[in-house]
Structures are given as C-alpha cells and as structure tokens.
Amino acid sequence: MKIAIGCDHAAYTFKEEIKAYLTAQGHTLIDKGCHSAERADYPDYGIAVGEAVARGEVERGIVICGSGIGISIAANKVKGVRCALCLDVNMAHLSRQHNDANVLAMGARLIDVEMGKAIVDEWLAAEFEGGRHIGRIAKISNYEE
C-alpha cells in the first residue's frame, strides 16, 4: 500500500520507527516531514498528508504529533479526509470499520512504538463495513460540499 506519513518534532523518532516498520512489510511510504527533531509545526505536516490522501496520491495517511490531537485536527481540515486519533487497536479497528478513516493519527507522548505498530497493523487490516455507516459518512461528505 502507498501511505503518506508526517509528524512534528515531538514525534520524529516515533515516525521514523513506524516508517521503517511499514517499509519492511513492503509498503511504500511517502514522507511529508518533518525530517529532524528540530521544532516543527504540526499543521504543516497534517495538512500535507491530508492533501496527499485527498488528491489520491496515496491510499492512506498516518500523522503523528505529541498527543495526536493537533495534527488530527489539521488533517481533518482537508476536504475528503477522515482522520481518526487512535490510542489502541480497538479504536483503530472501529475507525476503519465504521468511519472508513483514511488517515490515522497517533500521539507519540501517549503510546509507545510497539503499541503504535499494533495500531497501524490493525488499521491497515480492518475493512470498512459499509451498510448503515455509508449514510453517516455521506452526511459528512455532503456537509463538506
């Protein structure tokens, strides 16, 4: 799968570990930054990943900051993005199954890398259930218009 990934300075090391993990699994990662642990503003990277997803350059996106909150808010400002902040595997599963989330957000200061890997695995494996959820997602999309 082709995945865009981005983070701020607080999550740089976390992002690099997730990136290496996914690359080893055969995924193609497009790194939208940041590229060091020097201070960086999360909106720049949340929006960049969101735009890559919305334009269809990648199938999914992953964004990470200290808490995951700010970068998820930024990503969700991009039309067509459904970014879910997930702190455990159940949230990751439900974000795909019920919400068809196309961007995953995580908080590097709230979970460890091993939990991050488990969340990513579940999020990539889970499928959208459709059914009763289609109309709900359509309401969100319609509001964006």
Protein backbone atom coordinates (compact mmCIF):
# COMPACT_ATOMS: atom_id res chain seq x y z
CA MET A 1 0.00 0.00 0.00
CA LYS A 2 1.16 3.55 -0.69
CA ILE A 3 1.00 5.61 2.52
CA ALA A 4 1.84 9.25 3.27
CA ILE A 5 3.30 9.87 6.71
CA GLY A 6 4.02 13.07 8.59
CA CYS A 7 4.83 14.33 12.06
CA ASP A 8 6.07 17.25 14.12
CA HIS A 9 9.31 17.34 16.13
CA ALA A 10 7.74 15.62 19.15
CA ALA A 11 7.05 12.52 17.08
CA TYR A 12 10.06 12.45 14.75
CA THR A 13 11.72 9.35 16.27
CA PHE A 14 8.35 7.59 16.57
CA LYS A 15 7.59 8.33 12.89
CA GLU A 16 10.96 7.00 11.76
CA GLU A 17 10.35 3.71 13.58
CA ILE A 18 6.84 3.33 12.14
CA LYS A 19 8.17 4.21 8.69
CA ALA A 20 10.90 1.55 8.89
CA TYR A 21 8.39 -1.00 10.20
CA LEU A 22 5.95 -0.41 7.34
CA THR A 23 8.67 -0.30 4.70
CA ALA A 24 9.94 -3.69 5.93
CA GLN A 25 6.40 -5.02 5.36
CA GLY A 26 6.54 -3.91 1.74
CA HIS A 27 4.52 -0.71 1.95
CA THR A 28 5.64 2.39 0.06
CA LEU A 29 5.97 5.39 2.38
CA ILE A 30 5.89 8.99 1.20
CA ASP A 31 7.46 11.07 3.99
CA LYS A 32 5.88 14.53 4.14
CA GLY A 33 8.11 15.59 7.06
CA CYS A 34 9.30 16.70 9.43
CA HIS A 35 12.81 15.42 8.82
CA SER A 36 14.52 16.09 12.17
CA ALA A 37 13.80 16.60 15.86
CA GLU A 38 14.11 20.38 15.48
CA ARG A 39 10.99 22.37 16.29
CA ALA A 40 8.31 21.97 13.62
CA ASP A 41 4.65 22.97 13.41
CA TYR A 42 2.22 20.04 13.25
CA PRO A 43 -0.35 21.78 10.97
CA ASP A 44 2.17 21.83 8.09
CA TYR A 45 2.53 18.05 8.17
CA GLY A 46 -1.06 17.13 8.98
CA ILE A 47 -2.27 19.20 6.04
CA ALA A 48 0.44 17.85 3.70
CA VAL A 49 -0.53 14.25 4.47
CA GLY A 50 -4.23 15.06 4.22
CA GLU A 51 -3.74 16.69 0.83
CA ALA A 52 -1.82 13.66 -0.48
CA VAL A 53 -4.72 11.42 0.56
CA ALA A 54 -7.40 13.76 -0.80
CA ARG A 55 -5.63 14.07 -4.18
CA GLY A 56 -5.32 10.27 -4.44
CA GLU A 57 -1.50 10.32 -4.45
CA VAL A 58 -1.61 7.70 -1.69
CA GLU A 59 -4.18 5.24 -0.44
CA ARG A 60 -3.92 6.22 3.23
CA GLY A 61 -2.11 8.60 5.56
CA ILE A 62 -0.56 8.48 9.01
CA VAL A 63 0.04 11.60 11.11
CA ILE A 64 1.77 11.79 14.49
CA CYS A 65 2.43 14.56 16.99
CA GLY A 66 2.92 14.60 20.76
CA SER A 67 -0.72 13.95 21.63
CA GLY A 68 -2.09 13.26 18.15
CA ILE A 69 -4.77 15.88 18.76
CA GLY A 70 -3.37 18.90 16.94
CA ILE A 71 -2.18 17.02 13.87
CA SER A 72 -5.51 15.19 13.57
CA ILE A 73 -7.38 18.50 13.69
CA ALA A 74 -5.10 19.86 10.94
CA ALA A 75 -5.53 16.78 8.74
CA ASN A 76 -9.31 16.90 9.15
CA LYS A 77 -9.39 20.43 7.70
CA VAL A 78 -8.59 18.92 4.29
CA LYS A 79 -11.74 18.18 2.31
CA GLY A 80 -12.19 14.43 1.90
CA VAL A 81 -10.07 13.43 4.88
CA ARG A 82 -11.49 11.35 7.69
CA CYS A 83 -8.68 11.33 10.24
CA ALA A 84 -9.11 9.30 13.42
CA LEU A 85 -6.95 9.68 16.51
CA CYS A 86 -6.35 6.14 17.78
CA LEU A 87 -4.65 5.21 21.03
CA ASP A 88 -5.40 1.49 20.97
CA VAL A 89 -6.15 -1.28 18.48
CA ASN A 90 -9.90 -1.25 19.13
CA MET A 91 -10.11 2.43 18.15
CA ALA A 92 -8.05 1.66 15.03
CA HIS A 93 -10.35 -1.18 14.05
CA LEU A 94 -13.53 0.83 14.59
CA SER A 95 -12.16 3.88 12.79
CA ARG A 96 -11.87 1.78 9.64
CA GLN A 97 -14.89 -0.49 10.14
CA HIS A 98 -17.42 2.24 10.98
CA ASN A 99 -15.86 5.51 9.77
CA ASP A 100 -13.77 4.46 6.78
CA ALA A 101 -10.94 6.59 8.20
CA ASN A 102 -8.37 7.31 5.52
CA VAL A 103 -5.87 8.99 7.84
CA LEU A 104 -4.66 7.60 11.17
CA ALA A 105 -3.40 9.92 13.92
CA MET A 106 -1.35 8.80 16.92
CA GLY A 107 0.21 10.53 19.93
CA ALA A 108 3.90 9.76 20.42
CA ARG A 109 3.82 11.01 24.02
CA LEU A 110 0.79 8.87 24.87
CA ILE A 111 1.66 5.46 23.42
CA ASP A 112 4.90 3.58 22.85
CA VAL A 113 6.17 2.49 19.45
CA GLU A 114 5.13 -1.14 19.95
CA MET A 115 1.54 -0.04 20.55
CA GLY A 116 1.89 2.24 17.52
CA LYS A 117 2.88 -0.73 15.37
CA ALA A 118 -0.08 -2.75 16.64
CA ILE A 119 -2.44 0.16 15.94
CA VAL A 120 -1.07 0.59 12.42
CA ASP A 121 -1.35 -3.16 11.73
CA GLU A 122 -4.99 -3.23 12.82
CA TRP A 123 -5.85 -0.01 10.99
CA LEU A 124 -4.35 -1.25 7.72
CA ALA A 125 -6.00 -4.67 8.01
CA ALA A 126 -9.51 -3.58 9.01
CA GLU A 127 -12.06 -3.00 6.26
CA PHE A 128 -14.95 -0.59 6.02
CA GLU A 129 -18.17 -2.39 6.91
CA GLY A 130 -20.43 -0.24 4.72
CA GLY A 131 -24.13 -0.79 5.39
CA ARG A 132 -25.61 1.60 7.93
CA HIS A 133 -22.34 3.55 8.04
CA ILE A 134 -22.49 4.69 4.39
CA GLY A 135 -25.22 7.24 5.03
CA ARG A 136 -23.39 8.68 8.02
CA ILE A 137 -20.21 9.19 6.07
CA ALA A 138 -22.24 10.69 3.22
CA LYS A 139 -23.63 13.28 5.66
CA ILE A 140 -20.07 14.34 6.48
CA SER A 141 -19.10 14.48 2.82
CA ASN A 142 -22.24 16.43 1.93
CA TYR A 143 -21.51 18.96 4.66
CA GLU A 144 -18.02 19.47 3.22
CA GLU A 145 -19.62 20.45 -0.08
